[in-house]
Amino acid sequence: MGMENELNTQPIVDMAIKVGKKVFIPRVSKKDLLWFDYSKDRLSRSNFGILEPNQEVNFTHSLNEFDLMIVPGVTFYTR
């Protein structure tokens, strides 16, 4: 989910759900990025102000399940 100064991804998420797509969003846990099913009523803001799943770690998804990843951001660079 994008932050205030990033692209608003909510319309993309809403459309994906409307057409029957599975939507996953990440949560940082220690040094790992865990992926959970999107649920609008199960989101809370992290210490950094990022909306993320607030459920306990009970079922996560792996990256090989994804067909498309949308990453909101302000600046990206390659090394």
PDB file of N, CA and C in Angstrom:
ATOM      1  N   MET A   1       0.844  -1.159   0.000  1.00  0.00           N
ATOM      2  CA  MET A   1       0.000   0.000   0.000  1.00  0.00           C
ATOM      3  C   MET A   1       0.898   1.233   0.000  1.00  0.00           C
ATOM      4  N   GLY A   2       0.551   2.197  -0.841  1.00  0.00           N
ATOM      5  CA  GLY A   2       1.364   3.396  -0.954  1.00  0.00           C
ATOM      6  C   GLY A   2       1.201   4.328   0.242  1.00  0.00           C
ATOM      7  N   MET A   3       2.231   5.111   0.469  1.00  0.00           N
ATOM      8  CA  MET A   3       2.179   6.131   1.517  1.00  0.00           C
ATOM      9  C   MET A   3       1.673   7.433   0.898  1.00  0.00           C
ATOM     10  N   GLU A   4       1.510   8.472   1.730  1.00  0.00           N
ATOM     11  CA  GLU A   4       0.924   9.737   1.297  1.00  0.00           C
ATOM     12  C   GLU A   4       1.532  10.305   0.018  1.00  0.00           C
ATOM     13  N   ASN A   5       2.841  10.316  -0.079  1.00  0.00           N
ATOM     14  CA  ASN A   5       3.511  10.950  -1.214  1.00  0.00           C
ATOM     15  C   ASN A   5       3.799   9.971  -2.353  1.00  0.00           C
ATOM     16  N   GLU A   6       3.220   8.788  -2.316  1.00  0.00           N
ATOM     17  CA  GLU A   6       3.409   7.782  -3.354  1.00  0.00           C
ATOM     18  C   GLU A   6       2.104   7.587  -4.136  1.00  0.00           C
ATOM     19  N   LEU A   7       2.204   6.860  -5.212  1.00  0.00           N
ATOM     20  CA  LEU A   7       1.038   6.520  -6.012  1.00  0.00           C
ATOM     21  C   LEU A   7      -0.013   5.830  -5.139  1.00  0.00           C
ATOM     22  N   ASN A   8      -1.264   6.257  -5.262  1.00  0.00           N
ATOM     23  CA  ASN A   8      -2.366   5.622  -4.539  1.00  0.00           C
ATOM     24  C   ASN A   8      -2.712   4.313  -5.241  1.00  0.00           C
ATOM     25  N   THR A   9      -2.378   3.201  -4.629  1.00  0.00           N
ATOM     26  CA  THR A   9      -2.617   1.893  -5.238  1.00  0.00           C
ATOM     27  C   THR A   9      -4.002   1.329  -4.914  1.00  0.00           C
ATOM     28  N   GLN A  10      -4.762   1.994  -4.057  1.00  0.00           N
ATOM     29  CA  GLN A  10      -6.067   1.462  -3.654  1.00  0.00           C
ATOM     30  C   GLN A  10      -7.008   1.216  -4.840  1.00  0.00           C
ATOM     31  N   PRO A  11      -7.099   2.142  -5.823  1.00  0.00           N
ATOM     32  CA  PRO A  11      -7.969   1.853  -6.974  1.00  0.00           C
ATOM     33  C   PRO A  11      -7.527   0.604  -7.751  1.00  0.00           C
ATOM     34  N   ILE A  12      -6.236   0.365  -7.816  1.00  0.00           N
ATOM     35  CA  ILE A  12      -5.716  -0.825  -8.510  1.00  0.00           C
ATOM     36  C   ILE A  12      -6.110  -2.077  -7.731  1.00  0.00           C
ATOM     37  N   VAL A  13      -5.948  -2.031  -6.420  1.00  0.00           N
ATOM     38  CA  VAL A  13      -6.318  -3.158  -5.563  1.00  0.00           C
ATOM     39  C   VAL A  13      -7.817  -3.443  -5.688  1.00  0.00           C
ATOM     40  N   ASP A  14      -8.633  -2.392  -5.606  1.00  0.00           N
ATOM     41  CA  ASP A  14     -10.087  -2.561  -5.699  1.00  0.00           C
ATOM     42  C   ASP A  14     -10.497  -3.182  -7.034  1.00  0.00           C
ATOM     43  N   MET A  15      -9.903  -2.730  -8.123  1.00  0.00           N
ATOM     44  CA  MET A  15     -10.225  -3.271  -9.451  1.00  0.00           C
ATOM     45  C   MET A  15      -9.784  -4.727  -9.567  1.00  0.00           C
ATOM     46  N   ALA A  16      -8.606  -5.031  -9.053  1.00  0.00           N
ATOM     47  CA  ALA A  16      -8.111  -6.414  -9.109  1.00  0.00           C
ATOM     48  C   ALA A  16      -9.068  -7.356  -8.383  1.00  0.00           C
ATOM     49  N   ILE A  17      -9.524  -6.946  -7.220  1.00  0.00           N
ATOM     50  CA  ILE A  17     -10.465  -7.768  -6.456  1.00  0.00           C
ATOM     51  C   ILE A  17     -11.787  -7.897  -7.209  1.00  0.00           C
ATOM     52  N   LYS A  18     -12.239  -6.803  -7.794  1.00  0.00           N
ATOM     53  CA  LYS A  18     -13.506  -6.803  -8.537  1.00  0.00           C
ATOM     54  C   LYS A  18     -13.494  -7.799  -9.690  1.00  0.00           C
ATOM     55  N   VAL A  19     -12.339  -7.951 -10.354  1.00  0.00           N
ATOM     56  CA  VAL A  19     -12.257  -8.878 -11.490  1.00  0.00           C
ATOM     57  C   VAL A  19     -11.784 -10.272 -11.070  1.00  0.00           C
ATOM     58  N   GLY A  20     -11.733 -10.518  -9.750  1.00  0.00           N
ATOM     59  CA  GLY A  20     -11.455 -11.865  -9.269  1.00  0.00           C
ATOM     60  C   GLY A  20      -9.997 -12.216  -9.051  1.00  0.00           C
ATOM     61  N   LYS A  21      -9.122 -11.239  -8.989  1.00  0.00           N
ATOM     62  CA  LYS A  21      -7.695 -11.505  -8.752  1.00  0.00           C
ATOM     63  C   LYS A  21      -7.422 -11.648  -7.269  1.00  0.00           C
ATOM     64  N   LYS A  22      -6.405 -12.416  -6.932  1.00  0.00           N
ATOM     65  CA  LYS A  22      -5.937 -12.506  -5.550  1.00  0.00           C
ATOM     66  C   LYS A  22      -4.967 -11.339  -5.319  1.00  0.00           C
ATOM     67  N   VAL A  23      -5.110 -10.681  -4.205  1.00  0.00           N
ATOM     68  CA  VAL A  23      -4.240  -9.547  -3.886  1.00  0.00           C
ATOM     69  C   VAL A  23      -3.521  -9.854  -2.577  1.00  0.00           C
ATOM     70  N   PHE A  24      -2.207  -9.672  -2.586  1.00  0.00           N
ATOM     71  CA  PHE A  24      -1.383  -9.904  -1.400  1.00  0.00           C
ATOM     72  C   PHE A  24      -0.673  -8.609  -1.040  1.00  0.00           C
ATOM     73  N   ILE A  25      -0.471  -8.384   0.243  1.00  0.00           N
ATOM     74  CA  ILE A  25       0.307  -7.227   0.664  1.00  0.00           C
ATOM     75  C   ILE A  25       1.338  -7.673   1.694  1.00  0.00           C
ATOM     76  N   PRO A  26       2.462  -6.950   1.760  1.00  0.00           N
ATOM     77  CA  PRO A  26       3.559  -7.391   2.625  1.00  0.00           C
ATOM     78  C   PRO A  26       3.495  -6.812   4.036  1.00  0.00           C
ATOM     79  N   ARG A  27       4.194  -7.501   4.908  1.00  0.00           N
ATOM     80  CA  ARG A  27       4.483  -7.004   6.246  1.00  0.00           C
ATOM     81  C   ARG A  27       5.914  -7.402   6.570  1.00  0.00           C
ATOM     82  N   VAL A  28       6.667  -6.484   7.127  1.00  0.00           N
ATOM     83  CA  VAL A  28       8.045  -6.777   7.515  1.00  0.00           C
ATOM     84  C   VAL A  28       8.021  -7.445   8.878  1.00  0.00           C
ATOM     85  N   SER A  29       8.728  -8.562   8.979  1.00  0.00           N
ATOM     86  CA  SER A  29       8.867  -9.281  10.243  1.00  0.00           C
ATOM     87  C   SER A  29      10.351  -9.563  10.444  1.00  0.00           C
ATOM     88  N   LYS A  30      10.941  -8.847  11.372  1.00  0.00           N
ATOM     89  CA  LYS A  30      12.393  -8.888  11.592  1.00  0.00           C
ATOM     90  C   LYS A  30      13.071  -8.472  10.293  1.00  0.00           C
ATOM     91  N   LYS A  31      13.736  -9.387   9.610  1.00  0.00           N
ATOM     92  CA  LYS A  31      14.403  -9.046   8.352  1.00  0.00           C
ATOM     93  C   LYS A  31      13.708  -9.653   7.137  1.00  0.00           C
ATOM     94  N   ASP A  32      12.548 -10.251   7.352  1.00  0.00           N
ATOM     95  CA  ASP A  32      11.831 -10.916   6.268  1.00  0.00           C
ATOM     96  C   ASP A  32      10.635 -10.087   5.816  1.00  0.00           C
ATOM     97  N   LEU A  33      10.290 -10.225   4.555  1.00  0.00           N
ATOM     98  CA  LEU A  33       9.091  -9.617   3.993  1.00  0.00           C
ATOM     99  C   LEU A  33       8.082 -10.740   3.810  1.00  0.00           C
ATOM    100  N   LEU A  34       7.000 -10.704   4.580  1.00  0.00           N
ATOM    101  CA  LEU A  34       5.970 -11.740   4.540  1.00  0.00           C
ATOM    102  C   LEU A  34       4.775 -11.229   3.760  1.00  0.00           C
ATOM    103  N   TRP A  35       4.159 -12.097   2.964  1.00  0.00           N
ATOM    104  CA  TRP A  35       3.043 -11.714   2.097  1.00  0.00           C
ATOM    105  C   TRP A  35       1.758 -12.348   2.584  1.00  0.00           C
ATOM    106  N   PHE A  36       0.708 -11.519   2.745  1.00  0.00           N
ATOM    107  CA  PHE A  36      -0.581 -11.968   3.263  1.00  0.00           C
ATOM    108  C   PHE A  36      -1.696 -11.619   2.291  1.00  0.00           C
ATOM    109  N   ASP A  37      -2.802 -12.356   2.390  1.00  0.00           N
ATOM    110  CA  ASP A  37      -4.004 -12.005   1.630  1.00  0.00           C
ATOM    111  C   ASP A  37      -4.447 -10.607   2.043  1.00  0.00           C
ATOM    112  N   TYR A  38      -4.843  -9.812   1.063  1.00  0.00           N
ATOM    113  CA  TYR A  38      -5.330  -8.467   1.330  1.00  0.00           C
ATOM    114  C   TYR A  38      -6.707  -8.528   1.963  1.00  0.00           C
ATOM    115  N   SER A  39      -6.899  -7.771   3.015  1.00  0.00           N
ATOM    116  CA  SER A  39      -8.197  -7.613   3.642  1.00  0.00           C
ATOM    117  C   SER A  39      -8.257  -6.194   4.196  1.00  0.00           C
ATOM    118  N   LYS A  40      -9.124  -5.378   3.621  1.00  0.00           N
ATOM    119  CA  LYS A  40      -9.201  -3.955   3.987  1.00  0.00           C
ATOM    120  C   LYS A  40      -9.440  -3.751   5.480  1.00  0.00           C
ATOM    121  N   ASP A  41     -10.191  -4.646   6.102  1.00  0.00           N
ATOM    122  CA  ASP A  41     -10.503  -4.484   7.525  1.00  0.00           C
ATOM    123  C   ASP A  41      -9.440  -5.057   8.451  1.00  0.00           C
ATOM    124  N   ARG A  42      -8.361  -5.580   7.900  1.00  0.00           N
ATOM    125  CA  ARG A  42      -7.278  -6.133   8.718  1.00  0.00           C
ATOM    126  C   ARG A  42      -5.969  -5.381   8.519  1.00  0.00           C
ATOM    127  N   LEU A  43      -6.060  -4.095   8.225  1.00  0.00           N
ATOM    128  CA  LEU A  43      -4.869  -3.286   8.027  1.00  0.00           C
ATOM    129  C   LEU A  43      -4.646  -2.352   9.213  1.00  0.00           C
ATOM    130  N   SER A  44      -3.389  -2.131   9.529  1.00  0.00           N
ATOM    131  CA  SER A  44      -3.043  -1.140  10.542  1.00  0.00           C
ATOM    132  C   SER A  44      -1.736  -0.482  10.112  1.00  0.00           C
ATOM    133  N   ARG A  45      -1.461   0.678  10.655  1.00  0.00           N
ATOM    134  CA  ARG A  45      -0.238   1.408  10.308  1.00  0.00           C
ATOM    135  C   ARG A  45       0.933   0.907  11.137  1.00  0.00           C
ATOM    136  N   SER A  46       2.044   0.681  10.462  1.00  0.00           N
ATOM    137  CA  SER A  46       3.272   0.269  11.150  1.00  0.00           C
ATOM    138  C   SER A  46       3.893   1.488  11.840  1.00  0.00           C
ATOM    139  N   ASN A  47       4.994   1.266  12.516  1.00  0.00           N
ATOM    140  CA  ASN A  47       5.727   2.378  13.156  1.00  0.00           C
ATOM    141  C   ASN A  47       6.205   3.405  12.142  1.00  0.00           C
ATOM    142  N   PHE A  48       6.318   2.998  10.879  1.00  0.00           N
ATOM    143  CA  PHE A  48       6.763   3.896   9.816  1.00  0.00           C
ATOM    144  C   PHE A  48       5.589   4.519   9.067  1.00  0.00           C
ATOM    145  N   GLY A  49       4.366   4.224   9.497  1.00  0.00           N
ATOM    146  CA  GLY A  49       3.180   4.794   8.865  1.00  0.00           C
ATOM    147  C   GLY A  49       2.699   4.044   7.644  1.00  0.00           C
ATOM    148  N   ILE A  50       3.207   2.845   7.425  1.00  0.00           N
ATOM    149  CA  ILE A  50       2.842   2.036   6.261  1.00  0.00           C
ATOM    150  C   ILE A  50       1.665   1.128   6.621  1.00  0.00           C
ATOM    151  N   LEU A  51       0.632   1.099   5.779  1.00  0.00           N
ATOM    152  CA  LEU A  51      -0.473   0.163   6.002  1.00  0.00           C
ATOM    153  C   LEU A  51       0.014  -1.250   5.719  1.00  0.00           C
ATOM    154  N   GLU A  52      -0.204  -2.140   6.673  1.00  0.00           N
ATOM    155  CA  GLU A  52       0.207  -3.531   6.513  1.00  0.00           C
ATOM    156  C   GLU A  52      -0.768  -4.435   7.235  1.00  0.00           C
ATOM    157  N   PRO A  53      -0.757  -5.736   6.908  1.00  0.00           N
ATOM    158  CA  PRO A  53      -1.662  -6.676   7.569  1.00  0.00           C
ATOM    159  C   PRO A  53      -1.382  -6.708   9.065  1.00  0.00           C
ATOM    160  N   ASN A  54      -2.429  -6.727   9.875  1.00  0.00           N
ATOM    161  CA  ASN A  54      -2.229  -6.779  11.316  1.00  0.00           C
ATOM    162  C   ASN A  54      -2.461  -8.160  11.909  1.00  0.00           C
ATOM    163  N   GLN A  55      -2.746  -9.140  11.072  1.00  0.00           N
ATOM    164  CA  GLN A  55      -2.991 -10.487  11.587  1.00  0.00           C
ATOM    165  C   GLN A  55      -1.673 -11.151  12.003  1.00  0.00           C
ATOM    166  N   GLU A  56      -1.790 -12.124  12.866  1.00  0.00           N
ATOM    167  CA  GLU A  56      -0.625 -12.893  13.270  1.00  0.00           C
ATOM    168  C   GLU A  56      -0.140 -13.732  12.086  1.00  0.00           C
ATOM    169  N   VAL A  57       1.120 -14.126  12.147  1.00  0.00           N
ATOM    170  CA  VAL A  57       1.675 -14.941  11.068  1.00  0.00           C
ATOM    171  C   VAL A  57       1.040 -16.324  11.146  1.00  0.00           C
ATOM    172  N   ASN A  58       0.083 -16.580  10.271  1.00  0.00           N
ATOM    173  CA  ASN A  58      -0.545 -17.899  10.251  1.00  0.00           C
ATOM    174  C   ASN A  58      -0.578 -18.489   8.848  1.00  0.00           C
ATOM    175  N   PHE A  59      -0.539 -17.641   7.851  1.00  0.00           N
ATOM    176  CA  PHE A  59      -0.457 -18.146   6.485  1.00  0.00           C
ATOM    177  C   PHE A  59       0.141 -17.068   5.595  1.00  0.00           C
ATOM    178  N   THR A  60       1.253 -17.363   5.019  1.00  0.00           N
ATOM    179  CA  THR A  60       1.886 -16.411   4.116  1.00  0.00           C
ATOM    180  C   THR A  60       2.016 -17.038   2.741  1.00  0.00           C
ATOM    181  N   HIS A  61       2.297 -16.214   1.764  1.00  0.00           N
ATOM    182  CA  HIS A  61       2.451 -16.660   0.389  1.00  0.00           C
ATOM    183  C   HIS A  61       3.890 -16.455  -0.060  1.00  0.00           C
ATOM    184  N   SER A  62       4.312 -17.217  -1.045  1.00  0.00           N
ATOM    185  CA  SER A  62       5.661 -17.049  -1.583  1.00  0.00           C
ATOM    186  C   SER A  62       5.593 -16.270  -2.895  1.00  0.00           C
ATOM    187  N   LEU A  63       6.712 -15.674  -3.266  1.00  0.00           N
ATOM    188  CA  LEU A  63       6.758 -14.851  -4.468  1.00  0.00           C
ATOM    189  C   LEU A  63       6.411 -15.625  -5.738  1.00  0.00           C
ATOM    190  N   ASN A  64       6.616 -16.927  -5.763  1.00  0.00           N
ATOM    191  CA  ASN A  64       6.325 -17.681  -6.988  1.00  0.00           C
ATOM    192  C   ASN A  64       4.830 -17.815  -7.255  1.00  0.00           C
ATOM    193  N   GLU A  65       3.982 -17.324  -6.348  1.00  0.00           N
ATOM    194  CA  GLU A  65       2.536 -17.332  -6.556  1.00  0.00           C
ATOM    195  C   GLU A  65       2.059 -16.076  -7.288  1.00  0.00           C
ATOM    196  N   PHE A  66       2.921 -15.107  -7.494  1.00  0.00           N
ATOM    197  CA  PHE A  66       2.511 -13.815  -8.040  1.00  0.00           C
ATOM    198  C   PHE A  66       2.682 -13.757  -9.553  1.00  0.00           C
ATOM    199  N   ASP A  67       1.707 -13.161 -10.212  1.00  0.00           N
ATOM    200  CA  ASP A  67       1.804 -12.903 -11.648  1.00  0.00           C
ATOM    201  C   ASP A  67       2.211 -11.451 -11.914  1.00  0.00           C
ATOM    202  N   LEU A  68       1.888 -10.575 -10.987  1.00  0.00           N
ATOM    203  CA  LEU A  68       2.144  -9.148 -11.153  1.00  0.00           C
ATOM    204  C   LEU A  68       2.427  -8.538  -9.789  1.00  0.00           C
ATOM    205  N   MET A  69       3.424  -7.653  -9.725  1.00  0.00           N
ATOM    206  CA  MET A  69       3.724  -6.955  -8.487  1.00  0.00           C
ATOM    207  C   MET A  69       3.741  -5.454  -8.770  1.00  0.00           C
ATOM    208  N   ILE A  70       2.977  -4.696  -7.991  1.00  0.00           N
ATOM    209  CA  ILE A  70       2.942  -3.241  -8.114  1.00  0.00           C
ATOM    210  C   ILE A  70       3.628  -2.680  -6.881  1.00  0.00           C
ATOM    211  N   VAL A  71       4.680  -1.905  -7.098  1.00  0.00           N
ATOM    212  CA  VAL A  71       5.471  -1.375  -5.996  1.00  0.00           C
ATOM    213  C   VAL A  71       5.402   0.138  -6.006  1.00  0.00           C
ATOM    214  N   PRO A  72       4.621   0.728  -5.077  1.00  0.00           N
ATOM    215  CA  PRO A  72       4.565   2.185  -5.020  1.00  0.00           C
ATOM    216  C   PRO A  72       5.891   2.719  -4.499  1.00  0.00           C
ATOM    217  N   GLY A  73       6.271   3.864  -4.966  1.00  0.00           N
ATOM    218  CA  GLY A  73       7.515   4.463  -4.489  1.00  0.00           C
ATOM    219  C   GLY A  73       7.722   5.830  -5.098  1.00  0.00           C
ATOM    220  N   VAL A  74       8.689   6.519  -4.560  1.00  0.00           N
ATOM    221  CA  VAL A  74       9.014   7.846  -5.041  1.00  0.00           C
ATOM    222  C   VAL A  74      10.267   7.812  -5.905  1.00  0.00           C
ATOM    223  N   THR A  75      11.263   7.073  -5.457  1.00  0.00           N
ATOM    224  CA  THR A  75      12.540   7.001  -6.175  1.00  0.00           C
ATOM    225  C   THR A  75      13.046   5.572  -6.175  1.00  0.00           C
ATOM    226  N   PHE A  76      13.533   5.124  -7.307  1.00  0.00           N
ATOM    227  CA  PHE A  76      14.144   3.806  -7.425  1.00  0.00           C
ATOM    228  C   PHE A  76      15.486   3.972  -8.134  1.00  0.00           C
ATOM    229  N   TYR A  77      16.422   3.101  -7.841  1.00  0.00           N
ATOM    230  CA  TYR A  77      17.700   3.126  -8.540  1.00  0.00           C
ATOM    231  C   TYR A  77      18.224   1.703  -8.672  1.00  0.00           C
ATOM    232  N   THR A  78      19.090   1.507  -9.629  1.00  0.00           N
ATOM    233  CA  THR A  78      19.734   0.214  -9.804  1.00  0.00           C
ATOM    234  C   THR A  78      21.213   0.370  -9.491  1.00  0.00           C
ATOM    235  N   ARG A  79      21.804  -0.703  -9.089  1.00  0.00           N
ATOM    236  CA  ARG A  79      23.253  -0.660  -8.773  1.00  0.00           C
ATOM    237  C   ARG A  79      24.047  -1.207  -9.903  1.00  0.00           C
TER     238      ARG A  79
END
